[in-house]
């Protein structure tokens, strides 16, 4: 144990799954007697939880490490952990001598000083822990991400995650439910690399449905992020709709059948539209989000045109577009017909302009409607239509208290955001 006045600063980059990992690290450090601080210059230990998904994320992670190294107080210790540490541990040790330690997944982060330059390849004697099931502190907001599985068994052509996160490893239901109870939240946002495949590695394919139903008994809202479209079964759709939070985040990546096969992905635009229409028939209030990769090798002008047309027809509420990043060790890295960077940017801009208009229009349609919102912080709420930190927000009167659920009337829309006032009680 260290003295209570020892402080740690934890800086997180990347996706919501990384945020959950940081919460687990924080819980361990707090149990060891350290106190969290937002002030890096007063921290005895600085931990950077990095992302390594694409080149841009890696550059952001390195820049964050260098900036924090400049800001930390003399004599403090700086540690790199997360995806970048796991994927490029040895290279980081060589490239960043100012860093005290590089800790891969499952390697404890603590205040004890180890020899400078100890890399992930030298961690054989280090104690290990199960990051997925560690305790985490109670949530500071009325919602929290809850990671239900780690790793992925798919082989998408563009993705290197399985190479450093490993195959899928699902948590036991009791562990997930216990964590949700400890968090004391009203909305649980379930996340994983391949959410709908939860339990398949345990021989329980389709158990995501029973998990959703079990979580719904503990919290008012259950939100699912990152659903592979082939696993969006009728039973899962029914479970989501029964929970009263009809939000579908579908990982589509593209719509042209031939191009999806180059990506080593399932489906096509027609199948996707059919599923979306069916859900909207069952629940007109259903909301849809997806992500698309622009410029994957072999993408043609016809592929781009088909995706642009599909977006107009699908009328998704939210979309994210990402230019292709060539990742070593992936199937696509050695494909011919790599798309020029300038052309990728042009296609990205075209699709973003289309979707921005669709999103704004769909938000405009909500003006005058009564909606139910969960108050996250004073002045900010979310209905079922907005995932936290990803989509727009609903601006509400600041007198409404965090954690409360209220009916409000939308008075104005501005791009992705809405403004609302408290609905009159009849």
Foldseek 3Di string as FASTA:
>chain_A
DDALAAEEEEAEDDDQVLVLLSQLLVVVAVVVRHHYDNQQQSHLEYEYAADDWFPVRVVVSVVVQVVSLVRYHPNHAYEYEHDCQQVPFLVCLVVCQSHQYRDYAFAHDYRDGDHRSCTNVNCPVGHGDDSLQGAGAADPWQEGEREFKWADDAAFQQTPRCVRRNHIDGDDLVSRLVNVVRNNHQEYEYDYQAQQQHCVVVVDRRCSLVSLVVVLVPHLYYHYEEHAVVSCDPSVLVSNVVSVQQEEEYADQFAPCVVCVVRVGDHHLVVVLVVLVVSCVVPVPHAYEYEHEFQQAPDDPVRLVVRLVSCVVSLHQYYHYHYGGQDPPGNSNPDPRGGDPVVRVVSRVSSVVSNLVSNQVVQQVQAFPKFKWAAGAQQWTDGSHDDPPGFEIEGEHRVDHHGDIAIWHWHDDDRRYTYTYGDDDD
